[in-house]
Amino acid sequence: MALRLAIFIAKFILWFVGISLALVLLFKFVPPPATATMLLDENGYTKEWRPLSGIDRNMVGAVIAAEDGKFCTHDGFDREAIEQAMRENAKGGRIRGGSTISQQTAKNVFLWQGGGFFRKGLEAWFTFLIELLWGKERIMEVYLNVAETGIGTYGVEAGAQRYFQQSAASLSPIQAARIAVNLPLPKKRSVLNPQGWLRRHGNSVAAQVSIVRRDGLDSCIYG
């Protein structure tokens, strides 16, 4: 009985590793057709894939400034940010996340929304794989195409068309920042008419876009 169970577990692990490797390798070259979040969205979904070369550098700078300042230097996990988030969350109040862009990409493409240790464990596995097999450029490209940017809206191209009636290929720092600060809560935050803290945060991120470029925080993408 114990031997049979051990064989079953070993086969399951090999199957899971093989399937996950195949999916990660496939999506290194092929745009993910849809994600679980899109398919489960009661509002339906609108998306339009745009290669990274067709997305304004301001948009890349804005998400790095707003979401993950160490994107180009970490291995997929910002341990300092995770520890800080755990300390702040232990105090109560507004829940703070410590996920990197790589982790968010892994979750958005391969998994589902929500917490739990099991899902977080899978997220860590897929984050490791995409960092290893995709590299930073592909991670950023996929992230900017699958991230939810509004109600039933996915990817920065669909977001730019929705909010500004123009392509993501040409976004000003403030436009890119408005989209970027909306990403954590796209169904609740306003891109076109933000107020209070959200407006100030967007202005701050817009001001940081040039700093991201000046300090080479996007150097893993633009060299």
C-alpha atoms as a PDB file:
ATOM      1  CA  MET A   1       0.000   0.000   0.000  1.00  0.00           C
ATOM      2  CA  ALA A   2       2.753   2.417   0.971  1.00  0.00           C
ATOM      3  CA  LEU A   3       4.704   1.535  -2.174  1.00  0.00           C
ATOM      4  CA  ARG A   4       1.650   2.110  -4.372  1.00  0.00           C
ATOM      5  CA  LEU A   5       1.032   5.483  -2.732  1.00  0.00           C
ATOM      6  CA  ALA A   6       4.676   6.465  -3.231  1.00  0.00           C
ATOM      7  CA  ILE A   7       4.486   5.508  -6.914  1.00  0.00           C
ATOM      8  CA  PHE A   8       1.275   7.482  -7.351  1.00  0.00           C
ATOM      9  CA  ILE A   9       2.775  10.576  -5.714  1.00  0.00           C
ATOM     10  CA  ALA A  10       5.935  10.278  -7.824  1.00  0.00           C
ATOM     11  CA  LYS A  11       3.879   9.979 -11.027  1.00  0.00           C
ATOM     12  CA  PHE A  12       1.712  12.928 -10.041  1.00  0.00           C
ATOM     13  CA  ILE A  13       4.763  15.107  -9.372  1.00  0.00           C
ATOM     14  CA  LEU A  14       6.336  14.137 -12.697  1.00  0.00           C
ATOM     15  CA  TRP A  15       3.051  14.804 -14.492  1.00  0.00           C
ATOM     16  CA  PHE A  16       2.630  18.193 -12.839  1.00  0.00           C
ATOM     17  CA  VAL A  17       6.221  19.256 -13.550  1.00  0.00           C
ATOM     18  CA  GLY A  18       5.931  18.122 -17.172  1.00  0.00           C
ATOM     19  CA  ILE A  19       2.633  19.921 -17.798  1.00  0.00           C
ATOM     20  CA  SER A  20       3.768  23.134 -16.103  1.00  0.00           C
ATOM     21  CA  LEU A  21       7.051  23.155 -18.039  1.00  0.00           C
ATOM     22  CA  ALA A  22       5.176  22.597 -21.300  1.00  0.00           C
ATOM     23  CA  LEU A  23       2.783  25.473 -20.593  1.00  0.00           C
ATOM     24  CA  VAL A  24       5.547  27.865 -19.603  1.00  0.00           C
ATOM     25  CA  LEU A  25       7.558  27.004 -22.723  1.00  0.00           C
ATOM     26  CA  LEU A  26       4.468  27.383 -24.924  1.00  0.00           C
ATOM     27  CA  PHE A  27       3.617  30.820 -23.536  1.00  0.00           C
ATOM     28  CA  LYS A  28       7.194  31.938 -23.960  1.00  0.00           C
ATOM     29  CA  PHE A  29       6.389  32.153 -27.670  1.00  0.00           C
ATOM     30  CA  VAL A  30       2.581  32.180 -27.894  1.00  0.00           C
ATOM     31  CA  PRO A  31       0.307  34.803 -26.297  1.00  0.00           C
ATOM     32  CA  PRO A  32      -1.882  33.210 -23.604  1.00  0.00           C
ATOM     33  CA  PRO A  33      -5.327  32.995 -25.243  1.00  0.00           C
ATOM     34  CA  ALA A  34      -7.205  33.727 -22.008  1.00  0.00           C
ATOM     35  CA  THR A  35      -6.706  33.422 -18.261  1.00  0.00           C
ATOM     36  CA  ALA A  36      -8.867  31.962 -15.508  1.00  0.00           C
ATOM     37  CA  THR A  37      -9.582  35.496 -14.303  1.00  0.00           C
ATOM     38  CA  MET A  38     -10.848  36.497 -17.748  1.00  0.00           C
ATOM     39  CA  LEU A  39     -12.972  33.393 -18.184  1.00  0.00           C
ATOM     40  CA  LEU A  40     -14.538  33.781 -14.733  1.00  0.00           C
ATOM     41  CA  ASP A  41     -15.200  37.503 -15.106  1.00  0.00           C
ATOM     42  CA  GLU A  42     -18.967  38.009 -14.926  1.00  0.00           C
ATOM     43  CA  ASN A  43     -18.538  41.122 -17.079  1.00  0.00           C
ATOM     44  CA  GLY A  44     -16.914  39.192 -19.890  1.00  0.00           C
ATOM     45  CA  TYR A  45     -13.559  40.402 -21.122  1.00  0.00           C
ATOM     46  CA  THR A  46     -12.032  42.662 -23.729  1.00  0.00           C
ATOM     47  CA  LYS A  47      -8.358  42.313 -24.595  1.00  0.00           C
ATOM     48  CA  GLU A  48      -5.975  43.062 -27.421  1.00  0.00           C
ATOM     49  CA  TRP A  49      -2.464  41.667 -27.466  1.00  0.00           C
ATOM     50  CA  ARG A  50       0.310  44.142 -28.154  1.00  0.00           C
ATOM     51  CA  PRO A  51       4.022  43.203 -28.251  1.00  0.00           C
ATOM     52  CA  LEU A  52       6.314  44.999 -25.847  1.00  0.00           C
ATOM     53  CA  SER A  53       7.858  46.900 -28.746  1.00  0.00           C
ATOM     54  CA  GLY A  54       4.437  48.414 -29.355  1.00  0.00           C
ATOM     55  CA  ILE A  55       3.880  49.569 -25.770  1.00  0.00           C
ATOM     56  CA  ASP A  56       5.124  52.988 -24.728  1.00  0.00           C
ATOM     57  CA  ARG A  57       8.186  52.935 -22.488  1.00  0.00           C
ATOM     58  CA  ASN A  58       6.298  55.263 -20.144  1.00  0.00           C
ATOM     59  CA  MET A  59       3.906  52.395 -19.405  1.00  0.00           C
ATOM     60  CA  VAL A  60       6.748  50.081 -18.461  1.00  0.00           C
ATOM     61  CA  GLY A  61       8.279  52.772 -16.271  1.00  0.00           C
ATOM     62  CA  ALA A  62       4.948  53.445 -14.591  1.00  0.00           C
ATOM     63  CA  VAL A  63       4.317  49.824 -13.564  1.00  0.00           C
ATOM     64  CA  ILE A  64       7.884  49.486 -12.300  1.00  0.00           C
ATOM     65  CA  ALA A  65       7.488  52.677 -10.263  1.00  0.00           C
ATOM     66  CA  ALA A  66       4.063  51.717  -8.944  1.00  0.00           C
ATOM     67  CA  GLU A  67       4.375  47.957  -8.515  1.00  0.00           C
ATOM     68  CA  ASP A  68       7.941  46.683  -8.426  1.00  0.00           C
ATOM     69  CA  GLY A  69      10.950  48.999  -8.293  1.00  0.00           C
ATOM     70  CA  LYS A  70      13.364  46.051  -8.106  1.00  0.00           C
ATOM     71  CA  PHE A  71      11.911  44.235 -11.098  1.00  0.00           C
ATOM     72  CA  CYS A  72      15.188  44.178 -13.019  1.00  0.00           C
ATOM     73  CA  THR A  73      17.339  43.031 -10.104  1.00  0.00           C
ATOM     74  CA  HIS A  74      15.328  40.436  -8.169  1.00  0.00           C
ATOM     75  CA  ASP A  75      14.917  36.756  -9.057  1.00  0.00           C
ATOM     76  CA  GLY A  76      11.146  36.942  -9.056  1.00  0.00           C
ATOM     77  CA  PHE A  77      10.779  37.473  -5.308  1.00  0.00           C
ATOM     78  CA  ASP A  78      11.362  40.688  -3.382  1.00  0.00           C
ATOM     79  CA  ARG A  79      11.989  39.230   0.052  1.00  0.00           C
ATOM     80  CA  GLU A  80      12.339  42.620   1.712  1.00  0.00           C
ATOM     81  CA  ALA A  81       8.941  43.724   0.370  1.00  0.00           C
ATOM     82  CA  ILE A  82       7.343  40.442   1.468  1.00  0.00           C
ATOM     83  CA  GLU A  83       8.707  40.806   4.999  1.00  0.00           C
ATOM     84  CA  GLN A  84       7.580  44.432   5.190  1.00  0.00           C
ATOM     85  CA  ALA A  85       4.101  43.485   3.975  1.00  0.00           C
ATOM     86  CA  MET A  86       3.867  40.756   6.614  1.00  0.00           C
ATOM     87  CA  ARG A  87       4.864  43.189   9.360  1.00  0.00           C
ATOM     88  CA  GLU A  88       2.360  45.833   8.246  1.00  0.00           C
ATOM     89  CA  ASN A  89      -0.451  43.328   7.754  1.00  0.00           C
ATOM     90  CA  ALA A  90       0.132  41.985  11.257  1.00  0.00           C
ATOM     91  CA  LYS A  91      -0.680  45.461  12.602  1.00  0.00           C
ATOM     92  CA  GLY A  92      -4.126  45.385  10.956  1.00  0.00           C
ATOM     93  CA  GLY A  93      -5.695  47.987   8.722  1.00  0.00           C
ATOM     94  CA  ARG A  94      -5.382  47.993   4.932  1.00  0.00           C
ATOM     95  CA  ILE A  95      -3.858  44.776   3.622  1.00  0.00           C
ATOM     96  CA  ARG A  96      -0.590  45.341   1.812  1.00  0.00           C
ATOM     97  CA  GLY A  97       0.757  42.983  -0.832  1.00  0.00           C
ATOM     98  CA  GLY A  98       4.398  42.079  -1.394  1.00  0.00           C
ATOM     99  CA  SER A  99       4.065  40.415  -4.799  1.00  0.00           C
ATOM    100  CA  THR A 100       6.430  41.286  -7.610  1.00  0.00           C
ATOM    101  CA  ILE A 101       5.424  41.756 -11.233  1.00  0.00           C
ATOM    102  CA  SER A 102       6.806  38.262 -11.868  1.00  0.00           C
ATOM    103  CA  GLN A 103       4.583  36.752  -9.175  1.00  0.00           C
ATOM    104  CA  GLN A 104       1.541  38.620 -10.444  1.00  0.00           C
ATOM    105  CA  THR A 105       2.243  37.418 -13.975  1.00  0.00           C
ATOM    106  CA  ALA A 106       2.558  33.816 -12.814  1.00  0.00           C
ATOM    107  CA  LYS A 107      -0.720  34.072 -10.904  1.00  0.00           C
ATOM    108  CA  ASN A 108      -2.597  35.826 -13.715  1.00  0.00           C
ATOM    109  CA  VAL A 109      -1.511  33.442 -16.471  1.00  0.00           C
ATOM    110  CA  PHE A 110      -1.451  30.036 -14.793  1.00  0.00           C
ATOM    111  CA  LEU A 111      -3.613  30.273 -11.684  1.00  0.00           C
ATOM    112  CA  TRP A 112      -6.653  31.935 -10.159  1.00  0.00           C
ATOM    113  CA  GLN A 113      -7.328  34.903  -7.916  1.00  0.00           C
ATOM    114  CA  GLY A 114      -7.527  34.495  -4.157  1.00  0.00           C
ATOM    115  CA  GLY A 115      -5.156  33.488  -1.414  1.00  0.00           C
ATOM    116  CA  GLY A 116      -4.275  30.343   0.439  1.00  0.00           C
ATOM    117  CA  PHE A 117      -0.979  28.583   0.969  1.00  0.00           C
ATOM    118  CA  PHE A 118      -1.596  26.050  -1.799  1.00  0.00           C
ATOM    119  CA  ARG A 119      -2.133  28.703  -4.463  1.00  0.00           C
ATOM    120  CA  LYS A 120       0.800  30.741  -3.158  1.00  0.00           C
ATOM    121  CA  GLY A 121       2.978  27.648  -3.413  1.00  0.00           C
ATOM    122  CA  LEU A 122       1.956  27.114  -7.026  1.00  0.00           C
ATOM    123  CA  GLU A 123       2.550  30.808  -7.678  1.00  0.00           C
ATOM    124  CA  ALA A 124       6.111  30.482  -6.356  1.00  0.00           C
ATOM    125  CA  TRP A 125       6.741  27.481  -8.630  1.00  0.00           C
ATOM    126  CA  PHE A 126       5.478  29.225 -11.754  1.00  0.00           C
ATOM    127  CA  THR A 127       7.339  32.417 -10.805  1.00  0.00           C
ATOM    128  CA  PHE A 128      10.564  30.417 -10.617  1.00  0.00           C
ATOM    129  CA  LEU A 129       9.856  28.870 -14.025  1.00  0.00           C
ATOM    130  CA  ILE A 130       9.048  32.087 -15.887  1.00  0.00           C
ATOM    131  CA  GLU A 131      12.087  33.839 -14.424  1.00  0.00           C
ATOM    132  CA  LEU A 132      14.205  30.903 -15.575  1.00  0.00           C
ATOM    133  CA  LEU A 133      12.655  30.295 -18.986  1.00  0.00           C
ATOM    134  CA  TRP A 134      11.082  33.585 -20.084  1.00  0.00           C
ATOM    135  CA  GLY A 135      13.353  36.327 -18.844  1.00  0.00           C
ATOM    136  CA  LYS A 136      12.378  39.833 -17.832  1.00  0.00           C
ATOM    137  CA  GLU A 137      11.296  41.165 -21.231  1.00  0.00           C
ATOM    138  CA  ARG A 138       8.780  38.391 -21.800  1.00  0.00           C
ATOM    139  CA  ILE A 139       7.497  38.615 -18.232  1.00  0.00           C
ATOM    140  CA  MET A 140       6.841  42.326 -18.634  1.00  0.00           C
ATOM    141  CA  GLU A 141       5.263  41.822 -22.057  1.00  0.00           C
ATOM    142  CA  VAL A 142       2.850  39.174 -20.784  1.00  0.00           C
ATOM    143  CA  TYR A 143       2.057  41.115 -17.616  1.00  0.00           C
ATOM    144  CA  LEU A 144       1.098  44.225 -19.567  1.00  0.00           C
ATOM    145  CA  ASN A 145      -1.188  42.133 -21.761  1.00  0.00           C
ATOM    146  CA  VAL A 146      -3.025  40.075 -19.129  1.00  0.00           C
ATOM    147  CA  ALA A 147      -3.306  42.439 -16.148  1.00  0.00           C
ATOM    148  CA  GLU A 148      -6.852  43.592 -15.440  1.00  0.00           C
ATOM    149  CA  THR A 149      -7.062  47.301 -16.238  1.00  0.00           C
ATOM    150  CA  GLY A 150     -10.770  47.879 -15.662  1.00  0.00           C
ATOM    151  CA  ILE A 151     -14.158  46.198 -15.504  1.00  0.00           C
ATOM    152  CA  GLY A 152     -14.019  43.489 -18.161  1.00  0.00           C
ATOM    153  CA  THR A 153     -10.851  45.055 -19.578  1.00  0.00           C
ATOM    154  CA  TYR A 154      -7.494  43.259 -19.728  1.00  0.00           C
ATOM    155  CA  GLY A 155      -4.115  44.489 -20.874  1.00  0.00           C
ATOM    156  CA  VAL A 156      -2.808  48.007 -21.283  1.00  0.00           C
ATOM    157  CA  GLU A 157      -3.804  48.207 -24.946  1.00  0.00           C
ATOM    158  CA  ALA A 158      -7.468  47.584 -24.143  1.00  0.00           C
ATOM    159  CA  GLY A 159      -7.117  49.928 -21.172  1.00  0.00           C
ATOM    160  CA  ALA A 160      -5.596  52.729 -23.240  1.00  0.00           C
ATOM    161  CA  GLN A 161      -8.320  52.348 -25.848  1.00  0.00           C
ATOM    162  CA  ARG A 162     -11.030  52.389 -23.177  1.00  0.00           C
ATOM    163  CA  TYR A 163      -9.815  55.339 -21.154  1.00  0.00           C
ATOM    164  CA  PHE A 164      -7.936  57.507 -23.654  1.00  0.00           C
ATOM    165  CA  GLN A 165      -9.195  56.353 -27.067  1.00  0.00           C
ATOM    166  CA  GLN A 166      -5.661  55.738 -28.229  1.00  0.00           C
ATOM    167  CA  SER A 167      -3.108  52.973 -28.466  1.00  0.00           C
ATOM    168  CA  ALA A 168      -0.760  51.924 -25.672  1.00  0.00           C
ATOM    169  CA  ALA A 169       2.016  52.682 -28.152  1.00  0.00           C
ATOM    170  CA  SER A 170       1.759  56.358 -27.251  1.00  0.00           C
ATOM    171  CA  LEU A 171       1.006  57.176 -23.624  1.00  0.00           C
ATOM    172  CA  SER A 172       2.126  60.195 -21.629  1.00  0.00           C
ATOM    173  CA  PRO A 173       3.650  59.614 -18.178  1.00  0.00           C
ATOM    174  CA  ILE A 174       0.427  60.720 -16.468  1.00  0.00           C
ATOM    175  CA  GLN A 175      -1.736  58.451 -18.652  1.00  0.00           C
ATOM    176  CA  ALA A 176       0.555  55.492 -18.003  1.00  0.00           C
ATOM    177  CA  ALA A 177       0.605  56.271 -14.277  1.00  0.00           C
ATOM    178  CA  ARG A 178      -3.202  56.457 -14.100  1.00  0.00           C
ATOM    179  CA  ILE A 179      -3.414  52.947 -15.557  1.00  0.00           C
ATOM    180  CA  ALA A 180      -0.594  51.627 -13.356  1.00  0.00           C
ATOM    181  CA  VAL A 181      -2.029  52.794 -10.026  1.00  0.00           C
ATOM    182  CA  ASN A 182      -5.379  51.304 -11.036  1.00  0.00           C
ATOM    183  CA  LEU A 183      -3.962  47.769 -11.368  1.00  0.00           C
ATOM    184  CA  PRO A 184      -4.284  46.572  -7.746  1.00  0.00           C
ATOM    185  CA  LEU A 185      -8.044  47.313  -7.663  1.00  0.00           C
ATOM    186  CA  PRO A 186      -9.161  47.777 -11.274  1.00  0.00           C
ATOM    187  CA  LYS A 187     -12.871  47.315 -10.552  1.00  0.00           C
ATOM    188  CA  LYS A 188     -12.926  49.931  -7.800  1.00  0.00           C
ATOM    189  CA  ARG A 189     -10.434  52.619  -8.800  1.00  0.00           C
ATOM    190  CA  SER A 190     -10.999  55.392 -11.307  1.00  0.00           C
ATOM    191  CA  VAL A 191      -8.539  56.031 -14.125  1.00  0.00           C
ATOM    192  CA  LEU A 192     -10.174  59.082 -15.674  1.00  0.00           C
ATOM    193  CA  ASN A 193     -11.256  60.951 -12.560  1.00  0.00           C
ATOM    194  CA  PRO A 194      -9.215  59.806  -9.547  1.00  0.00           C
ATOM    195  CA  GLN A 195      -9.669  61.677  -6.299  1.00  0.00           C
ATOM    196  CA  GLY A 196      -7.738  62.200  -3.088  1.00  0.00           C
ATOM    197  CA  TRP A 197      -4.980  59.720  -2.331  1.00  0.00           C
ATOM    198  CA  LEU A 198      -5.353  57.909  -5.666  1.00  0.00           C
ATOM    199  CA  ARG A 199      -4.872  61.140  -7.615  1.00  0.00           C
ATOM    200  CA  ARG A 200      -1.814  62.084  -5.558  1.00  0.00           C
ATOM    201  CA  HIS A 201      -0.403  58.579  -5.943  1.00  0.00           C
ATOM    202  CA  GLY A 202      -0.872  58.736  -9.713  1.00  0.00           C
ATOM    203  CA  ASN A 203       0.882  62.089  -9.901  1.00  0.00           C
ATOM    204  CA  SER A 204       3.750  60.708  -7.822  1.00  0.00           C
ATOM    205  CA  VAL A 205       4.136  57.667 -10.077  1.00  0.00           C
ATOM    206  CA  ALA A 206       4.045  59.896 -13.182  1.00  0.00           C
ATOM    207  CA  ALA A 207       6.902  61.939 -11.721  1.00  0.00           C
ATOM    208  CA  GLN A 208       8.878  58.742 -11.066  1.00  0.00           C
ATOM    209  CA  VAL A 209       8.658  57.488 -14.663  1.00  0.00           C
ATOM    210  CA  SER A 210      11.627  59.617 -15.727  1.00  0.00           C
ATOM    211  CA  ILE A 211      13.548  58.498 -12.636  1.00  0.00           C
ATOM    212  CA  VAL A 212      13.018  54.842 -13.580  1.00  0.00           C
ATOM    213  CA  ARG A 213      14.620  55.575 -16.937  1.00  0.00           C
ATOM    214  CA  ARG A 214      17.375  57.790 -15.508  1.00  0.00           C
ATOM    215  CA  ASP A 215      18.423  55.248 -12.892  1.00  0.00           C
ATOM    216  CA  GLY A 216      18.205  52.288 -15.245  1.00  0.00           C
ATOM    217  CA  LEU A 217      15.454  50.537 -13.301  1.00  0.00           C
ATOM    218  CA  ASP A 218      14.130  49.302 -16.672  1.00  0.00           C
ATOM    219  CA  SER A 219      17.587  48.345 -17.995  1.00  0.00           C
ATOM    220  CA  CYS A 220      16.728  44.637 -18.174  1.00  0.00           C
ATOM    221  CA  ILE A 221      14.217  45.568 -20.870  1.00  0.00           C
ATOM    222  CA  TYR A 222      15.803  48.477 -22.709  1.00  0.00           C
ATOM    223  CA  GLY A 223      19.492  47.834 -22.060  1.00  0.00           C
END
